[in-house]
Amino acid sequence: LSGFLAVTVVRVHNNGNMEIAGQKKLNLNNGDEYVRLTGIIRPNDISASNFVDSSRIANAEITYVGAGQVADTSRKGWLSNAMRTISPF
């Protein structure tokens, strides 16, 4: 997966490190889907063009939330959930 995501600084720590958060809304497959990112970056890791490589984000949490067809197909159905309750392995 490759792309760009704009984030904002939500907190600056005493040591200068910054907590960041951002999300991107995508309209795919007749539904809204979101990619969300949170983490901590160091000022030294911000490039001259104001980019930070994802490998430099500490405690990175990248989540995908959606309501379109792609998200619907990735959710387990009622039968899968019932079988997992009966046999969790």
N, C-alpha and C. Protein backbone atom coordinates (compact mmCIF):
# COMPACT_ATOMS: atom_id res chain seq x y z
N LEU A 1 0.85 -1.18 0.00
CA LEU A 1 0.00 0.00 0.00
C LEU A 1 0.89 1.23 0.00
N SER A 2 0.59 2.16 -0.86
CA SER A 2 1.39 3.37 -0.97
C SER A 2 0.47 4.57 -1.15
N GLY A 3 0.85 5.67 -0.54
CA GLY A 3 0.06 6.88 -0.69
C GLY A 3 0.52 7.94 0.28
N PHE A 4 -0.19 9.04 0.27
CA PHE A 4 0.12 10.16 1.15
C PHE A 4 -1.10 10.48 2.00
N LEU A 5 -0.84 10.91 3.22
CA LEU A 5 -1.91 11.25 4.15
C LEU A 5 -1.48 12.48 4.93
N ALA A 6 -2.25 13.54 4.86
CA ALA A 6 -1.96 14.75 5.62
C ALA A 6 -2.39 14.54 7.07
N VAL A 7 -1.55 14.98 7.98
CA VAL A 7 -1.85 14.86 9.41
C VAL A 7 -1.63 16.21 10.08
N THR A 8 -2.12 16.32 11.30
CA THR A 8 -1.87 17.51 12.10
C THR A 8 -1.21 17.11 13.41
N VAL A 9 -0.50 18.05 13.99
CA VAL A 9 0.13 17.82 15.29
C VAL A 9 -0.93 18.07 16.35
N VAL A 10 -1.18 17.07 17.18
CA VAL A 10 -2.20 17.21 18.22
C VAL A 10 -1.59 17.47 19.59
N ARG A 11 -0.27 17.22 19.72
CA ARG A 11 0.39 17.47 21.00
C ARG A 11 1.90 17.50 20.78
N VAL A 12 2.57 18.41 21.47
CA VAL A 12 4.03 18.46 21.44
C VAL A 12 4.53 18.07 22.82
N HIS A 13 5.39 17.04 22.87
CA HIS A 13 5.95 16.57 24.14
C HIS A 13 7.10 17.48 24.58
N ASN A 14 7.49 17.38 25.84
CA ASN A 14 8.57 18.21 26.38
C ASN A 14 9.88 18.02 25.62
N ASN A 15 10.12 16.81 25.09
CA ASN A 15 11.36 16.54 24.36
C ASN A 15 11.29 16.98 22.89
N GLY A 16 10.18 17.58 22.48
CA GLY A 16 10.02 18.06 21.11
C GLY A 16 9.31 17.10 20.18
N ASN A 17 9.19 15.84 20.59
CA ASN A 17 8.46 14.88 19.76
C ASN A 17 6.99 15.29 19.65
N MET A 18 6.36 14.93 18.55
CA MET A 18 5.00 15.37 18.28
C MET A 18 4.06 14.20 18.04
N GLU A 19 2.91 14.25 18.68
CA GLU A 19 1.85 13.29 18.38
C GLU A 19 1.09 13.82 17.17
N ILE A 20 0.85 12.93 16.22
CA ILE A 20 0.16 13.33 15.00
C ILE A 20 -1.10 12.49 14.81
N ALA A 21 -2.04 13.04 14.07
CA ALA A 21 -3.26 12.31 13.74
C ALA A 21 -3.82 12.88 12.45
N GLY A 22 -4.41 12.00 11.66
CA GLY A 22 -5.04 12.43 10.43
C GLY A 22 -5.86 11.32 9.82
N GLN A 23 -6.72 11.70 8.92
CA GLN A 23 -7.51 10.70 8.20
C GLN A 23 -7.77 11.19 6.79
N LYS A 24 -8.00 10.22 5.91
CA LYS A 24 -8.33 10.52 4.52
C LYS A 24 -9.61 9.79 4.19
N LYS A 25 -10.57 10.52 3.64
CA LYS A 25 -11.85 9.93 3.23
C LYS A 25 -11.76 9.56 1.76
N LEU A 26 -12.13 8.33 1.48
CA LEU A 26 -12.15 7.84 0.11
C LEU A 26 -13.57 7.43 -0.22
N ASN A 27 -14.03 7.78 -1.39
CA ASN A 27 -15.36 7.36 -1.81
C ASN A 27 -15.16 6.24 -2.83
N LEU A 28 -15.24 5.01 -2.33
CA LEU A 28 -15.01 3.84 -3.17
C LEU A 28 -16.19 2.89 -3.07
N ASN A 29 -16.52 2.27 -4.17
CA ASN A 29 -17.52 1.20 -4.17
C ASN A 29 -18.83 1.61 -3.50
N ASN A 30 -19.32 2.77 -3.84
CA ASN A 30 -20.61 3.26 -3.33
C ASN A 30 -20.65 3.39 -1.82
N GLY A 31 -19.55 3.76 -1.22
CA GLY A 31 -19.53 3.95 0.23
C GLY A 31 -18.32 4.77 0.63
N ASP A 32 -18.40 5.39 1.80
CA ASP A 32 -17.29 6.17 2.32
C ASP A 32 -16.35 5.25 3.09
N GLU A 33 -15.07 5.38 2.82
CA GLU A 33 -14.06 4.58 3.48
C GLU A 33 -12.99 5.53 3.98
N TYR A 34 -12.40 5.23 5.13
CA TYR A 34 -11.43 6.11 5.76
C TYR A 34 -10.15 5.36 6.09
N VAL A 35 -9.03 6.04 5.90
CA VAL A 35 -7.75 5.57 6.39
C VAL A 35 -7.35 6.56 7.48
N ARG A 36 -7.05 6.04 8.68
CA ARG A 36 -6.69 6.90 9.81
C ARG A 36 -5.29 6.55 10.29
N LEU A 37 -4.55 7.58 10.68
CA LEU A 37 -3.18 7.40 11.14
C LEU A 37 -2.94 8.22 12.40
N THR A 38 -2.35 7.59 13.40
CA THR A 38 -1.88 8.30 14.59
C THR A 38 -0.48 7.78 14.90
N GLY A 39 0.30 8.57 15.61
CA GLY A 39 1.64 8.15 15.99
C GLY A 39 2.43 9.31 16.55
N ILE A 40 3.73 9.05 16.74
CA ILE A 40 4.64 10.06 17.29
C ILE A 40 5.82 10.20 16.34
N ILE A 41 6.17 11.44 16.04
CA ILE A 41 7.32 11.70 15.17
C ILE A 41 8.32 12.60 15.87
N ARG A 42 9.57 12.52 15.40
CA ARG A 42 10.62 13.40 15.89
C ARG A 42 10.79 14.54 14.89
N PRO A 43 11.10 15.74 15.37
CA PRO A 43 11.31 16.86 14.44
C PRO A 43 12.38 16.56 13.39
N ASN A 44 13.42 15.81 13.75
CA ASN A 44 14.51 15.49 12.81
C ASN A 44 14.04 14.62 11.66
N ASP A 45 12.93 13.91 11.82
CA ASP A 45 12.45 13.01 10.78
C ASP A 45 11.56 13.70 9.74
N ILE A 46 11.29 14.97 9.93
CA ILE A 46 10.49 15.73 8.96
C ILE A 46 11.42 16.23 7.87
N SER A 47 11.14 15.86 6.63
CA SER A 47 12.01 16.24 5.51
C SER A 47 11.84 17.73 5.18
N ALA A 48 12.73 18.22 4.33
CA ALA A 48 12.66 19.62 3.89
C ALA A 48 11.36 19.91 3.16
N SER A 49 10.77 18.88 2.54
CA SER A 49 9.49 19.07 1.84
C SER A 49 8.30 18.75 2.73
N ASN A 50 8.54 18.65 4.05
CA ASN A 50 7.49 18.48 5.06
C ASN A 50 6.83 17.10 5.01
N PHE A 51 7.61 16.06 4.70
CA PHE A 51 7.12 14.69 4.68
C PHE A 51 7.82 13.88 5.75
N VAL A 52 7.13 12.86 6.25
CA VAL A 52 7.72 11.89 7.18
C VAL A 52 7.42 10.51 6.63
N ASP A 53 8.45 9.70 6.46
CA ASP A 53 8.25 8.33 6.00
C ASP A 53 7.55 7.53 7.11
N SER A 54 6.63 6.68 6.73
CA SER A 54 5.85 5.93 7.73
C SER A 54 6.74 5.05 8.60
N SER A 55 7.90 4.65 8.11
CA SER A 55 8.80 3.83 8.93
C SER A 55 9.42 4.63 10.06
N ARG A 56 9.29 5.94 10.03
CA ARG A 56 9.84 6.81 11.08
C ARG A 56 8.80 7.23 12.10
N ILE A 57 7.59 6.70 12.02
CA ILE A 57 6.52 7.06 12.95
C ILE A 57 6.49 6.03 14.08
N ALA A 58 6.75 6.50 15.30
CA ALA A 58 6.71 5.61 16.47
C ALA A 58 5.26 5.39 16.89
N ASN A 59 5.00 4.22 17.43
CA ASN A 59 3.65 3.87 17.90
C ASN A 59 2.60 4.11 16.81
N ALA A 60 2.98 3.87 15.58
CA ALA A 60 2.07 4.11 14.46
C ALA A 60 0.85 3.19 14.56
N GLU A 61 -0.30 3.78 14.39
CA GLU A 61 -1.55 3.03 14.35
C GLU A 61 -2.28 3.44 13.08
N ILE A 62 -2.37 2.51 12.16
CA ILE A 62 -3.02 2.77 10.88
C ILE A 62 -4.27 1.91 10.82
N THR A 63 -5.41 2.55 10.69
CA THR A 63 -6.67 1.80 10.66
C THR A 63 -7.44 2.14 9.39
N TYR A 64 -8.20 1.16 8.97
CA TYR A 64 -9.05 1.30 7.79
C TYR A 64 -10.48 1.04 8.24
N VAL A 65 -11.35 2.01 8.01
CA VAL A 65 -12.75 1.88 8.40
C VAL A 65 -13.58 2.20 7.17
N GLY A 66 -14.55 1.37 6.88
CA GLY A 66 -15.33 1.64 5.70
C GLY A 66 -16.74 1.11 5.77
N ALA A 67 -17.55 1.62 4.85
CA ALA A 67 -18.94 1.19 4.76
C ALA A 67 -19.30 0.82 3.33
N GLY A 68 -18.30 0.71 2.46
CA GLY A 68 -18.57 0.37 1.07
C GLY A 68 -18.54 -1.12 0.84
N GLN A 69 -18.57 -1.51 -0.43
CA GLN A 69 -18.60 -2.92 -0.78
C GLN A 69 -17.34 -3.65 -0.34
N VAL A 70 -16.17 -2.99 -0.42
CA VAL A 70 -14.93 -3.62 0.01
C VAL A 70 -15.00 -3.93 1.50
N ALA A 71 -15.45 -2.97 2.30
CA ALA A 71 -15.57 -3.20 3.74
C ALA A 71 -16.60 -4.27 4.04
N ASP A 72 -17.71 -4.25 3.31
CA ASP A 72 -18.76 -5.24 3.54
C ASP A 72 -18.26 -6.65 3.28
N THR A 73 -17.46 -6.84 2.25
CA THR A 73 -16.99 -8.19 1.93
C THR A 73 -15.93 -8.67 2.90
N SER A 74 -15.26 -7.75 3.60
CA SER A 74 -14.24 -8.16 4.56
C SER A 74 -14.82 -8.48 5.93
N ARG A 75 -16.08 -8.15 6.16
CA ARG A 75 -16.72 -8.48 7.44
C ARG A 75 -17.21 -9.91 7.42
N LYS A 76 -17.10 -10.55 8.56
CA LYS A 76 -17.59 -11.92 8.67
C LYS A 76 -19.11 -11.92 8.74
N GLY A 77 -19.71 -12.91 8.14
CA GLY A 77 -21.16 -13.06 8.18
C GLY A 77 -21.62 -13.70 9.48
N TRP A 78 -22.92 -13.82 9.63
CA TRP A 78 -23.49 -14.35 10.87
C TRP A 78 -23.09 -15.81 11.07
N LEU A 79 -22.99 -16.59 9.99
CA LEU A 79 -22.62 -17.99 10.12
C LEU A 79 -21.17 -18.13 10.59
N SER A 80 -20.28 -17.32 10.04
CA SER A 80 -18.88 -17.34 10.48
C SER A 80 -18.76 -16.99 11.95
N ASN A 81 -19.51 -15.98 12.38
CA ASN A 81 -19.49 -15.59 13.79
C ASN A 81 -20.02 -16.70 14.68
N ALA A 82 -21.09 -17.37 14.25
CA ALA A 82 -21.66 -18.46 15.04
C ALA A 82 -20.67 -19.62 15.13
N MET A 83 -20.02 -19.96 14.03
CA MET A 83 -19.05 -21.05 14.04
C MET A 83 -17.85 -20.71 14.91
N ARG A 84 -17.43 -19.46 14.90
CA ARG A 84 -16.30 -19.04 15.74
C ARG A 84 -16.66 -19.14 17.21
N THR A 85 -17.91 -18.90 17.56
CA THR A 85 -18.36 -19.03 18.95
C THR A 85 -18.32 -20.49 19.38
N ILE A 86 -18.73 -21.37 18.49
CA ILE A 86 -18.75 -22.80 18.81
C ILE A 86 -17.33 -23.37 18.86
N SER A 87 -16.52 -23.03 17.88
CA SER A 87 -15.15 -23.55 17.80
C SER A 87 -14.21 -22.39 17.49
N PRO A 88 -13.62 -21.80 18.53
CA PRO A 88 -12.81 -20.60 18.32
C PRO A 88 -11.46 -20.86 17.64
N PHE A 89 -11.13 -22.11 17.29
CA PHE A 89 -9.82 -22.39 16.68
C PHE A 89 -9.93 -22.62 15.21
